[in-house]
Amino acid sequence: MRCVMTRKTAAAGIRVLAGAACGLLAAAVALGLAELLAGITGPGGSPVVAVGGAVIDLTPVPVKDFAIAHFGSHDKQALLVGIVVLLTVAAMTAGVLTLRRRRAGLAILAVFGAAGVTAALTRPGASVSDAIPVLAGVAAAAFTLMVLCRTAMAAFPAARTGSSAARPAAGPDPGIPAADGPGRRRFLIMGTASAAAAAASGVAGQVLAGRFSVAASRARVRLPAPAVPAPAVPSGTMLPVPGLTPFFTANDSFYRVDTDLVLPQVAPESWTLRIDGMVARPAEITFAELLRMPLTEADITLVCVSDEVGGPYAGNARWLGVPLAALLRRAGPRGGADQVLSAGADGMTISTPLTAILDGRDALVAVGMNGQPLPVAHGFPARMVIPGLYGYVSATKWVTRLTLTTFARQRAYWTQRGYAAHAPVKTESRIDIPRPLARIPAGRVTVAGVAWAPARGIAAVEVRADSGPWHTARLAAADGTGTWRQWMWAWDATPGLHQLQVRATDSTGATQTPREAGVFPDGASGWDSVVVTVT
């Protein structure tokens, strides 16, 4: 009897695995076909991208901050992995249920299809065609699931119930389904064909999606020489400390924090910048016209509001662009306007105080970064760069529209989610050397890092060990007020466990606050510290 039950259990387990395989293969076919069609209609139709974008928009701010803090620039990969895991579980469940009750499995497909269509149609700039890949994928999944499950039921028939007392003493057990060799071979062939079709269509979709890349267009861009070049960087801006953050951040090392799973591909030939709202002369500017305007070059440090104290989301670059104030004055701002609501090609909206653009700082519609056209990841063909403000109120990438309005009338993406409308970058400093939890030999030890207060400038940096007296650090030469400054301090380290802390003072005399605060709603604050072991 135990042997019979074991064989029945094994048969049931095999049937469950077959159902799960049917669901997975159906989902693979759906995604492959959807990606193929998205390669034709445009990346906005990709169901994974559409659903991922919707999830990002619906995610509560604390969860977003947690993802950025713990996954950093890999937060989007983490989201995609989560979506794939969810789809995998749902697909396997749908396959198992379909072997028992067809409608239950199809209902799961219908739910995910509805979610995908809704996500695709509610993305910024969406059109009806963006729903086609999702609808086609769901239809393909339903057809594949039905065919595979019908084949699986024939290949792995369910165990029949019956009384063991009524069974003959010899012969096959009527409670155990007979093996169906041809049926299982047919199931294996159909499953392999489904997997191959899914892989082929997915690869083809990726190849077709390459048509939307603007890499070739970017390579053809030739940036004009600036009418107002940046002053030469003073000697001594880079301190001779191995491991210290470089004064200029390389383009491929510059931090990236945004909500885009797929980078917008905006061709400079079709890009325009519209200036409207509370202006006397609305305007629309092409990329060619922008390049013909007098360009300004400026060294500016950018900081993301998601940067925790001591975090990595700050970078310094040499930017090239058209002064934003000149563009707005050309349009003629009307009285009462106090906000520039900018929008990017990705649908992101950012609100900037008008006074921060017109007060004389180097606010730019940038087209170049460190001597090259903007990288696609950093806003090619054009973006906003405004020193002294966190990126969520100043640094619109792929910018296509500037609307003069009021804070009372319109709110941007992040201010709708509770972040402050006015967000000047706080005076901050960071310890780069030594690293947290480092083990270092006793004796003279160099402690070094960077400090920033863009648009104000750094006047002093102080360091202390174990809550002792503050010591003035040596500052590198300043390259204006818009960039960070390196600093270093020689510490006589004694054996034991020690805590090092740093604080900065800006040119207005304001010293970095010790009050600890998270990034929400207007940037983190506190003193950066590291704990090291001296041996």
Protein backbone atom coordinates (compact mmCIF):
# COMPACT_ATOMS: atom_id res chain seq x y z
CA MET A 1 0.00 0.00 0.00
CA ARG A 2 2.82 2.41 0.89
CA CYS A 3 4.49 1.69 -2.45
CA VAL A 4 1.24 2.45 -4.28
CA MET A 5 0.81 5.76 -2.43
CA THR A 6 4.43 6.69 -3.13
CA ARG A 7 3.91 6.03 -6.82
CA LYS A 8 0.70 8.11 -6.81
CA THR A 9 2.48 10.94 -5.05
CA ALA A 10 5.32 10.80 -7.55
CA ALA A 11 2.85 10.87 -10.44
CA ALA A 12 1.07 13.87 -8.93
CA GLY A 13 4.41 15.64 -8.41
CA ILE A 14 5.42 15.06 -12.02
CA ARG A 15 2.07 16.45 -13.17
CA VAL A 16 2.57 19.60 -11.05
CA LEU A 17 6.05 20.09 -12.51
CA ALA A 18 4.66 19.64 -16.01
CA GLY A 19 2.01 22.29 -15.31
CA ALA A 20 4.61 24.68 -13.94
CA ALA A 21 6.73 24.12 -17.05
CA CYS A 22 3.70 24.86 -19.26
CA GLY A 23 3.15 28.15 -17.44
CA LEU A 24 6.78 29.19 -17.68
CA LEU A 25 6.99 28.38 -21.37
CA ALA A 26 3.76 30.26 -22.08
CA ALA A 27 5.08 33.30 -20.22
CA ALA A 28 8.36 33.09 -22.12
CA VAL A 29 6.51 33.02 -25.44
CA ALA A 30 4.41 36.01 -24.35
CA LEU A 31 7.41 38.09 -23.32
CA GLY A 32 9.39 37.11 -26.40
CA LEU A 33 6.58 38.11 -28.76
CA ALA A 34 5.91 41.31 -26.81
CA GLU A 35 9.57 42.30 -26.99
CA LEU A 36 9.60 41.55 -30.73
CA LEU A 37 6.60 43.82 -31.31
CA ALA A 38 8.06 46.47 -28.99
CA GLY A 39 11.13 46.41 -31.19
CA ILE A 40 8.82 47.47 -34.03
CA THR A 41 6.47 49.90 -32.26
CA GLY A 42 9.03 51.34 -29.84
CA PRO A 43 10.51 50.46 -26.42
CA GLY A 44 7.54 52.05 -24.65
CA GLY A 45 5.50 48.99 -25.57
CA SER A 46 7.72 46.54 -23.69
CA PRO A 47 5.50 45.08 -20.94
CA VAL A 48 8.39 44.70 -18.53
CA VAL A 49 9.40 48.33 -19.02
CA ALA A 50 5.81 49.58 -18.83
CA VAL A 51 4.99 47.61 -15.68
CA GLY A 52 8.34 48.50 -14.14
CA GLY A 53 7.73 52.19 -14.79
CA ALA A 54 4.28 51.98 -13.24
CA VAL A 55 5.70 50.20 -10.19
CA ILE A 56 8.31 52.96 -9.79
CA ASP A 57 5.62 55.65 -9.94
CA LEU A 58 3.39 53.84 -7.43
CA THR A 59 6.15 52.90 -5.01
CA PRO A 60 5.97 54.88 -1.73
CA VAL A 61 8.80 57.39 -1.21
CA PRO A 62 10.33 55.52 1.78
CA VAL A 63 10.62 52.36 -0.32
CA LYS A 64 12.26 54.30 -3.16
CA ASP A 65 14.73 55.86 -0.75
CA PHE A 66 15.49 52.42 0.70
CA ALA A 67 16.11 50.99 -2.79
CA ILE A 68 18.45 53.82 -3.76
CA ALA A 69 20.31 53.66 -0.45
CA HIS A 70 20.80 49.88 -0.54
CA PHE A 71 20.99 49.07 -4.26
CA GLY A 72 22.48 52.34 -5.49
CA SER A 73 22.79 52.50 -9.26
CA HIS A 74 21.59 48.87 -9.40
CA ASP A 75 18.13 49.76 -8.05
CA LYS A 76 16.53 49.30 -11.47
CA GLN A 77 18.14 45.89 -11.94
CA ALA A 78 16.77 44.92 -8.53
CA LEU A 79 13.29 46.02 -9.62
CA LEU A 80 13.53 44.04 -12.86
CA VAL A 81 14.63 40.95 -10.96
CA GLY A 82 11.63 41.37 -8.66
CA ILE A 83 9.27 41.67 -11.62
CA VAL A 84 10.74 38.58 -13.26
CA VAL A 85 10.41 36.59 -10.02
CA LEU A 86 6.77 37.67 -9.67
CA LEU A 87 6.02 36.75 -13.28
CA THR A 88 7.75 33.40 -12.83
CA VAL A 89 5.68 32.49 -9.78
CA ALA A 90 2.45 33.66 -11.43
CA ALA A 91 3.22 31.76 -14.64
CA MET A 92 3.98 28.54 -12.79
CA THR A 93 0.79 28.91 -10.76
CA ALA A 94 -1.25 29.53 -13.89
CA GLY A 95 0.18 26.42 -15.52
CA VAL A 96 -0.56 24.16 -12.53
CA LEU A 97 -4.10 25.52 -12.19
CA THR A 98 -4.81 25.10 -15.90
CA LEU A 99 -4.22 21.34 -15.63
CA ARG A 100 -6.97 21.24 -13.01
CA ARG A 101 -9.29 24.07 -14.02
CA ARG A 102 -8.73 25.85 -17.31
CA ARG A 103 -10.57 29.04 -16.36
CA ALA A 104 -8.42 29.63 -13.29
CA GLY A 105 -5.21 29.69 -15.31
CA LEU A 106 -6.69 31.95 -17.96
CA ALA A 107 -7.95 34.30 -15.24
CA ILE A 108 -4.37 34.82 -14.02
CA LEU A 109 -3.28 35.66 -17.56
CA ALA A 110 -6.18 38.10 -17.89
CA VAL A 111 -5.20 39.89 -14.67
CA PHE A 112 -1.58 40.31 -15.75
CA GLY A 113 -2.67 41.33 -19.23
CA ALA A 114 -4.95 44.03 -17.86
CA ALA A 115 -2.16 45.30 -15.61
CA GLY A 116 0.25 45.39 -18.55
CA VAL A 117 -2.15 47.27 -20.82
CA THR A 118 -2.96 49.78 -18.09
CA ALA A 119 0.72 50.34 -17.39
CA ALA A 120 1.53 50.77 -21.09
CA LEU A 121 -1.29 53.25 -21.75
CA THR A 122 -0.65 55.37 -18.67
CA ARG A 123 3.05 56.00 -19.32
CA PRO A 124 3.98 59.55 -20.36
CA GLY A 125 3.52 60.05 -24.08
CA ALA A 126 1.82 56.66 -24.52
CA SER A 127 -0.29 55.85 -27.58
CA VAL A 128 -2.73 53.06 -28.39
CA SER A 129 0.03 51.20 -30.26
CA ASP A 130 1.91 50.74 -26.96
CA ALA A 131 -0.78 48.28 -25.85
CA ILE A 132 -0.34 46.04 -28.92
CA PRO A 133 2.73 44.11 -27.62
CA VAL A 134 1.01 43.35 -24.31
CA LEU A 135 -2.26 42.22 -25.94
CA ALA A 136 -0.45 40.09 -28.48
CA GLY A 137 1.73 38.59 -25.76
CA VAL A 138 -1.27 37.65 -23.59
CA ALA A 139 -3.03 36.06 -26.57
CA ALA A 140 0.10 34.07 -27.41
CA ALA A 141 0.45 33.01 -23.77
CA ALA A 142 -3.16 31.79 -23.61
CA PHE A 143 -2.81 29.79 -26.84
CA THR A 144 0.55 28.29 -25.81
CA LEU A 145 -0.71 27.45 -22.33
CA MET A 146 -3.79 25.65 -23.64
CA VAL A 147 -1.83 23.63 -26.21
CA LEU A 148 0.96 22.67 -23.82
CA CYS A 149 -1.42 21.78 -21.00
CA ARG A 150 -3.53 19.60 -23.31
CA THR A 151 -0.36 17.79 -24.36
CA ALA A 152 0.77 17.49 -20.73
CA MET A 153 -2.54 15.96 -19.66
CA ALA A 154 -2.14 13.29 -22.30
CA ALA A 155 1.51 12.70 -21.46
CA PHE A 156 1.03 12.71 -17.67
CA PRO A 157 -2.53 11.49 -16.94
CA ALA A 158 -3.83 11.98 -13.42
CA ALA A 159 -3.82 9.06 -11.01
CA ARG A 160 -7.24 7.37 -10.63
CA THR A 161 -8.73 6.64 -7.25
CA GLY A 162 -9.96 3.24 -6.28
CA SER A 163 -10.03 0.63 -3.47
CA SER A 164 -6.93 -1.45 -3.13
CA ALA A 165 -9.04 -4.34 -1.88
CA ALA A 166 -10.80 -4.59 -5.23
CA ARG A 167 -7.59 -4.76 -7.21
CA PRO A 168 -6.37 -8.06 -8.61
CA ALA A 169 -3.40 -9.64 -6.91
CA ALA A 170 -1.31 -9.42 -10.05
CA GLY A 171 -1.04 -7.08 -13.01
CA PRO A 172 -0.61 -3.32 -13.27
CA ASP A 173 -2.03 -1.11 -10.54
CA PRO A 174 -5.21 0.53 -11.92
CA GLY A 175 -4.62 3.54 -9.62
CA ILE A 176 -1.37 4.43 -11.38
CA PRO A 177 -1.52 5.93 -14.91
CA ALA A 178 0.34 4.01 -17.54
CA ALA A 179 3.38 5.68 -19.03
CA ASP A 180 2.70 7.42 -22.31
CA GLY A 181 6.01 7.44 -24.12
CA PRO A 182 4.83 9.05 -27.38
CA GLY A 183 2.83 11.65 -25.41
CA ARG A 184 5.83 12.63 -23.33
CA ARG A 185 8.01 12.89 -26.42
CA ARG A 186 5.34 15.09 -28.01
CA PHE A 187 5.28 17.28 -24.86
CA LEU A 188 9.07 17.56 -24.91
CA ILE A 189 9.09 18.53 -28.60
CA MET A 190 6.39 21.17 -28.15
CA GLY A 191 8.05 22.56 -25.05
CA THR A 192 11.39 22.82 -26.83
CA ALA A 193 9.73 24.52 -29.80
CA SER A 194 8.04 27.02 -27.47
CA ALA A 195 11.31 27.83 -25.74
CA ALA A 196 13.08 28.27 -29.08
CA ALA A 197 10.32 30.56 -30.38
CA ALA A 198 10.46 32.64 -27.20
CA ALA A 199 14.24 32.98 -27.40
CA ALA A 200 14.26 33.80 -31.11
CA SER A 201 11.56 36.47 -30.85
CA GLY A 202 13.20 38.01 -27.78
CA VAL A 203 16.57 38.24 -29.52
CA ALA A 204 14.95 39.65 -32.65
CA GLY A 205 13.17 42.22 -30.52
CA GLN A 206 16.44 43.35 -28.98
CA VAL A 207 18.00 43.65 -32.43
CA LEU A 208 15.07 45.70 -33.71
CA ALA A 209 15.13 47.90 -30.61
CA GLY A 210 18.64 48.93 -31.61
CA ARG A 211 17.02 50.98 -34.39
CA PHE A 212 15.93 53.48 -31.76
CA SER A 213 19.45 54.02 -30.41
CA VAL A 214 20.83 57.54 -30.82
CA ALA A 215 24.46 56.48 -30.39
CA ALA A 216 25.24 57.20 -34.05
CA SER A 217 23.54 60.60 -33.89
CA ARG A 218 25.47 61.49 -30.77
CA ALA A 219 28.75 60.49 -32.44
CA ARG A 220 28.06 62.98 -35.23
CA VAL A 221 27.54 65.95 -32.89
CA ARG A 222 30.37 68.49 -32.92
CA LEU A 223 30.24 70.91 -30.01
CA PRO A 224 31.14 74.54 -30.79
CA ALA A 225 33.80 76.33 -28.79
CA PRO A 226 32.34 78.23 -25.84
CA ALA A 227 31.79 81.95 -26.18
CA VAL A 228 32.49 82.13 -22.45
CA PRO A 229 35.09 79.47 -21.57
CA ALA A 230 35.53 78.27 -18.01
CA PRO A 231 38.48 79.83 -16.20
CA ALA A 232 41.57 77.64 -16.02
CA VAL A 233 41.47 75.28 -13.07
CA PRO A 234 43.87 76.64 -10.43
CA SER A 235 46.89 74.56 -9.61
CA GLY A 236 46.44 72.71 -6.37
CA THR A 237 42.80 71.69 -6.81
CA MET A 238 43.92 68.05 -6.64
CA LEU A 239 45.67 66.99 -3.43
CA PRO A 240 48.36 64.29 -3.63
CA VAL A 241 46.41 61.63 -1.72
CA PRO A 242 46.02 58.14 -3.29
CA GLY A 243 42.40 57.01 -3.30
CA LEU A 244 40.97 60.50 -2.92
CA THR A 245 37.97 61.35 -5.12
CA PRO A 246 39.24 63.07 -8.30
CA PHE A 247 38.41 66.74 -8.74
CA PHE A 248 36.61 66.01 -12.03
CA THR A 249 34.33 62.99 -12.21
CA ALA A 250 34.66 60.96 -15.41
CA ASN A 251 31.46 60.69 -17.45
CA ASP A 252 31.25 56.93 -17.04
CA SER A 253 31.74 57.27 -13.27
CA PHE A 254 29.24 60.08 -12.72
CA TYR A 255 26.32 59.00 -10.57
CA ARG A 256 22.97 58.28 -12.20
CA VAL A 257 19.71 58.42 -10.27
CA ASP A 258 16.43 58.56 -12.22
CA THR A 259 13.21 56.62 -12.71
CA ASP A 260 13.93 55.25 -16.19
CA LEU A 261 14.28 51.51 -16.79
CA VAL A 262 15.15 52.23 -20.43
CA LEU A 263 17.12 55.34 -21.33
CA PRO A 264 15.20 57.75 -23.57
CA GLN A 265 16.64 57.81 -27.07
CA VAL A 266 16.13 61.37 -28.30
CA ALA A 267 17.60 62.19 -31.69
CA PRO A 268 19.07 65.70 -31.88
CA GLU A 269 17.51 66.10 -35.32
CA SER A 270 14.00 65.84 -33.86
CA TRP A 271 14.66 67.43 -30.45
CA THR A 272 13.08 70.77 -29.64
CA LEU A 273 12.87 72.85 -26.48
CA ARG A 274 9.58 74.62 -25.96
CA ILE A 275 9.36 77.63 -23.64
CA ASP A 276 5.79 78.56 -22.72
CA GLY A 277 3.48 79.38 -19.86
CA MET A 278 3.64 82.82 -18.27
CA VAL A 279 5.80 84.36 -20.99
CA ALA A 280 5.23 87.15 -23.50
CA ARG A 281 6.85 85.29 -26.41
CA PRO A 282 6.53 81.48 -26.38
CA ALA A 283 9.35 79.90 -28.29
CA GLU A 284 10.47 76.56 -29.69
CA ILE A 285 14.18 75.99 -30.23
CA THR A 286 15.82 73.21 -32.26
CA PHE A 287 19.10 71.57 -31.34
CA ALA A 288 20.86 73.21 -34.27
CA GLU A 289 19.60 76.61 -33.13
CA LEU A 290 20.74 75.90 -29.59
CA LEU A 291 24.27 75.12 -30.77
CA ARG A 292 24.40 78.37 -32.70
CA MET A 293 23.74 80.39 -29.56
CA PRO A 294 26.63 81.72 -27.42
CA LEU A 295 27.66 78.83 -25.16
CA THR A 296 29.03 79.08 -21.64
CA GLU A 297 31.41 76.62 -20.00
CA ALA A 298 31.28 76.13 -16.25
CA ASP A 299 32.60 73.71 -13.61
CA ILE A 300 29.66 72.61 -11.47
CA THR A 301 29.21 69.99 -8.76
CA LEU A 302 25.85 68.21 -8.85
CA VAL A 303 24.32 66.46 -5.84
CA CYS A 304 21.31 64.13 -5.68
CA VAL A 305 18.82 64.56 -2.86
CA SER A 306 19.06 60.78 -2.34
CA ASP A 307 22.67 61.17 -1.20
CA GLU A 308 22.98 60.04 2.39
CA VAL A 309 25.60 61.70 4.57
CA GLY A 310 28.91 60.38 3.25
CA GLY A 311 27.18 58.91 0.20
CA PRO A 312 28.33 58.61 -3.43
CA TYR A 313 25.68 60.65 -5.25
CA ALA A 314 27.71 63.77 -5.93
CA GLY A 315 29.93 64.51 -8.90
CA ASN A 316 31.85 67.36 -10.48
CA ALA A 317 32.09 68.03 -14.22
CA ARG A 318 32.80 70.74 -16.75
CA TRP A 319 29.51 71.57 -18.46
CA LEU A 320 28.88 73.39 -21.73
CA GLY A 321 25.54 74.97 -22.52
CA VAL A 322 23.34 77.96 -23.16
CA PRO A 323 22.66 80.19 -20.15
CA LEU A 324 19.15 79.36 -19.00
CA ALA A 325 18.51 82.93 -17.87
CA ALA A 326 19.12 84.20 -21.42
CA LEU A 327 16.60 81.74 -22.85
CA LEU A 328 13.93 82.75 -20.33
CA ARG A 329 14.52 86.47 -20.79
CA ARG A 330 14.24 85.96 -24.54
CA ALA A 331 10.75 84.53 -23.94
CA GLY A 332 9.84 87.42 -21.60
CA PRO A 333 8.69 86.12 -18.18
CA ARG A 334 5.44 87.70 -17.02
CA GLY A 335 4.93 89.13 -13.57
CA GLY A 336 3.87 86.66 -10.89
CA ALA A 337 5.79 83.68 -12.28
CA ASP A 338 7.96 82.10 -9.59
CA GLN A 339 8.58 78.59 -10.95
CA VAL A 340 10.05 76.97 -14.04
CA LEU A 341 8.32 73.63 -14.51
CA SER A 342 10.60 71.63 -16.78
CA ALA A 343 9.74 68.35 -18.47
CA GLY A 344 11.93 65.65 -19.97
CA ALA A 345 11.32 63.28 -22.85
CA ASP A 346 10.81 60.53 -20.26
CA GLY A 347 7.83 62.37 -18.76
CA MET A 348 9.70 63.52 -15.65
CA THR A 349 8.72 66.97 -14.39
CA ILE A 350 10.94 69.14 -12.19
CA SER A 351 10.14 72.45 -10.52
CA THR A 352 12.83 75.12 -10.12
CA PRO A 353 12.56 78.47 -8.35
CA LEU A 354 12.77 81.18 -11.01
CA THR A 355 14.99 83.29 -8.75
CA ALA A 356 17.66 80.54 -8.72
CA ILE A 357 17.91 80.82 -12.49
CA LEU A 358 17.97 84.61 -12.74
CA ASP A 359 20.30 85.44 -9.82
CA GLY A 360 23.52 85.23 -11.86
CA ARG A 361 24.65 81.66 -11.16
CA ASP A 362 25.73 79.44 -14.07
CA ALA A 363 22.34 77.86 -14.77
CA LEU A 364 22.58 76.09 -18.13
CA VAL A 365 20.72 74.11 -20.71
CA ALA A 366 23.76 71.89 -21.11
CA VAL A 367 24.79 70.07 -24.29
CA GLY A 368 28.31 69.00 -23.26
CA MET A 369 29.94 67.25 -20.32
CA ASN A 370 33.70 67.11 -19.80
CA GLY A 371 34.41 68.10 -23.38
CA GLN A 372 32.01 65.61 -25.00
CA PRO A 373 28.36 65.65 -26.05
CA LEU A 374 26.22 64.62 -23.11
CA PRO A 375 26.14 60.85 -22.58
CA VAL A 376 22.68 59.38 -23.22
CA ALA A 377 22.51 58.36 -19.54
CA HIS A 378 23.04 61.97 -18.54
CA GLY A 379 20.48 63.62 -20.77
CA PHE A 380 21.63 63.72 -24.41
CA PRO A 381 20.95 65.85 -26.36
CA ALA A 382 20.25 68.50 -23.68
CA ARG A 383 19.63 68.77 -19.95
CA MET A 384 19.40 71.38 -17.22
CA VAL A 385 22.30 72.05 -14.85
CA ILE A 386 21.84 74.55 -12.02
CA PRO A 387 24.46 74.85 -9.27
CA GLY A 388 23.35 74.92 -5.67
CA LEU A 389 20.09 72.96 -5.99
CA TYR A 390 19.50 69.26 -5.55
CA GLY A 391 18.90 67.47 -8.83
CA TYR A 392 15.20 66.84 -8.29
CA VAL A 393 14.57 70.61 -8.49
CA SER A 394 17.15 71.51 -11.12
CA ALA A 395 18.70 68.77 -13.24
CA THR A 396 16.08 67.74 -15.81
CA LYS A 397 17.62 65.27 -18.25
CA TRP A 398 16.43 64.97 -21.89
CA VAL A 399 14.70 68.32 -21.27
CA THR A 400 12.10 69.29 -23.88
CA ARG A 401 9.91 71.90 -22.22
CA LEU A 402 10.21 74.87 -19.86
CA THR A 403 6.93 76.24 -18.55
CA LEU A 404 6.90 79.40 -16.47
CA THR A 405 4.21 79.11 -13.85
CA THR A 406 3.72 79.36 -10.07
CA PHE A 407 4.33 76.92 -7.24
CA ALA A 408 0.72 77.48 -6.16
CA ARG A 409 -0.60 76.40 -9.55
CA GLN A 410 1.51 73.36 -10.49
CA ARG A 411 3.64 70.78 -8.72
CA ALA A 412 6.30 68.53 -10.18
CA TYR A 413 6.85 64.76 -9.89
CA TRP A 414 8.78 64.75 -6.62
CA THR A 415 6.94 67.62 -4.93
CA GLN A 416 3.70 65.72 -5.56
CA ARG A 417 5.29 62.98 -3.46
CA GLY A 418 6.06 65.22 -0.51
CA TYR A 419 9.56 66.48 -1.26
CA ALA A 420 10.27 70.16 -0.63
CA ALA A 421 9.66 72.58 -3.50
CA HIS A 422 12.77 74.61 -2.59
CA ALA A 423 15.83 72.45 -2.01
CA PRO A 424 19.24 74.17 -1.87
CA VAL A 425 22.12 71.74 -1.49
CA LYS A 426 23.20 71.58 2.13
CA THR A 427 26.79 72.21 3.19
CA GLU A 428 28.28 68.73 3.33
CA SER A 429 31.62 66.97 3.71
CA ARG A 430 32.71 63.37 3.26
CA ILE A 431 35.62 61.22 4.42
CA ASP A 432 37.10 59.21 1.53
CA ILE A 433 40.33 58.08 3.21
CA PRO A 434 40.56 55.94 5.32
CA ARG A 435 37.65 53.72 4.39
CA PRO A 436 35.09 52.64 7.00
CA LEU A 437 36.26 49.69 9.10
CA ALA A 438 39.76 49.93 7.67
CA ARG A 439 42.73 48.50 9.57
CA ILE A 440 45.65 50.93 9.48
CA PRO A 441 49.08 51.02 11.13
CA ALA A 442 49.75 53.40 14.00
CA GLY A 443 51.56 56.64 13.29
CA ARG A 444 50.92 59.58 10.99
CA VAL A 445 47.78 58.82 8.94
CA THR A 446 46.28 60.99 6.19
CA VAL A 447 42.57 61.61 6.53
CA ALA A 448 41.09 63.12 3.35
CA GLY A 449 37.88 63.70 1.45
CA VAL A 450 35.74 66.28 -0.31
CA ALA A 451 33.33 68.99 0.81
CA TRP A 452 30.73 70.94 -1.12
CA ALA A 453 28.33 73.85 -0.89
CA PRO A 454 27.60 74.64 -4.57
CA ALA A 455 26.81 78.30 -5.32
CA ARG A 456 28.26 79.26 -1.92
CA GLY A 457 31.65 77.57 -1.82
CA ILE A 458 33.61 75.89 0.98
CA ALA A 459 35.59 78.12 3.35
CA ALA A 460 36.85 75.57 5.91
CA VAL A 461 36.84 71.89 6.85
CA GLU A 462 37.48 70.50 10.33
CA VAL A 463 38.21 66.95 11.45
CA ARG A 464 38.29 65.31 14.85
CA ALA A 465 38.98 61.91 16.36
CA ASP A 466 36.96 60.27 19.14
CA SER A 467 34.86 63.39 19.84
CA GLY A 468 38.00 65.33 20.71
CA PRO A 469 38.89 68.87 19.63
CA TRP A 470 38.32 69.96 16.04
CA HIS A 471 41.37 70.37 13.83
CA THR A 472 41.47 72.56 10.72
CA ALA A 473 42.11 70.54 7.58
CA ARG A 474 44.19 71.68 4.64
CA LEU A 475 42.00 72.71 1.73
CA ALA A 476 42.82 72.25 -1.93
CA ALA A 477 42.62 75.31 -4.15
CA ALA A 478 39.07 76.47 -4.94
CA ASP A 479 37.76 76.42 -8.51
CA GLY A 480 35.03 79.00 -7.94
CA THR A 481 32.02 78.54 -5.67
CA GLY A 482 30.17 76.00 -7.81
CA THR A 483 32.46 73.03 -7.20
CA TRP A 484 33.54 70.83 -4.33
CA ARG A 485 36.94 71.11 -2.66
CA GLN A 486 39.28 68.38 -1.56
CA TRP A 487 40.71 68.44 1.96
CA MET A 488 43.25 66.51 4.03
CA TRP A 489 44.41 66.28 7.65
CA ALA A 490 47.39 64.50 9.21
CA TRP A 491 46.34 62.39 12.19
CA ASP A 492 48.69 60.86 14.76
CA ALA A 493 46.91 57.55 15.14
CA THR A 494 47.40 55.38 18.23
CA PRO A 495 46.46 51.69 18.51
CA GLY A 496 42.81 50.94 19.16
CA LEU A 497 39.33 51.51 17.77
CA HIS A 498 38.72 55.12 16.71
CA GLN A 499 35.96 57.25 15.21
CA LEU A 500 36.77 60.08 12.80
CA GLN A 501 34.30 62.88 12.04
CA VAL A 502 34.30 65.80 9.61
CA ARG A 503 32.34 69.03 9.22
CA ALA A 504 32.52 71.91 6.73
CA THR A 505 31.82 75.63 6.79
CA ASP A 506 30.66 77.45 3.66
CA SER A 507 31.57 80.94 2.51
CA THR A 508 28.54 82.46 4.24
CA GLY A 509 29.90 81.30 7.60
CA ALA A 510 27.32 78.54 8.05
CA THR A 511 28.81 75.36 9.54
CA GLN A 512 27.48 71.93 8.65
CA THR A 513 24.84 70.91 11.17
CA PRO A 514 25.35 67.88 13.42
CA ARG A 515 21.59 67.24 13.36
CA GLU A 516 21.01 63.93 11.66
CA ALA A 517 18.22 63.79 9.08
CA GLY A 518 17.32 61.47 6.25
CA VAL A 519 17.08 62.45 2.61
CA PHE A 520 13.34 63.16 2.80
CA PRO A 521 12.06 65.85 2.30
CA ASP A 522 14.97 68.16 1.39
CA GLY A 523 18.27 66.28 1.72
CA ALA A 524 20.22 64.48 4.42
CA SER A 525 22.21 66.24 7.11
CA GLY A 526 24.70 65.33 9.84
CA TRP A 527 28.44 64.75 10.15
CA ASP A 528 30.08 62.00 8.15
CA SER A 529 32.08 59.59 10.29
CA VAL A 530 34.13 56.44 9.89
CA VAL A 531 35.30 53.88 12.41
CA VAL A 532 38.78 52.43 11.92
CA THR A 533 41.07 50.05 13.77
CA VAL A 534 44.66 51.22 14.34
CA THR A 535 47.13 48.38 14.84
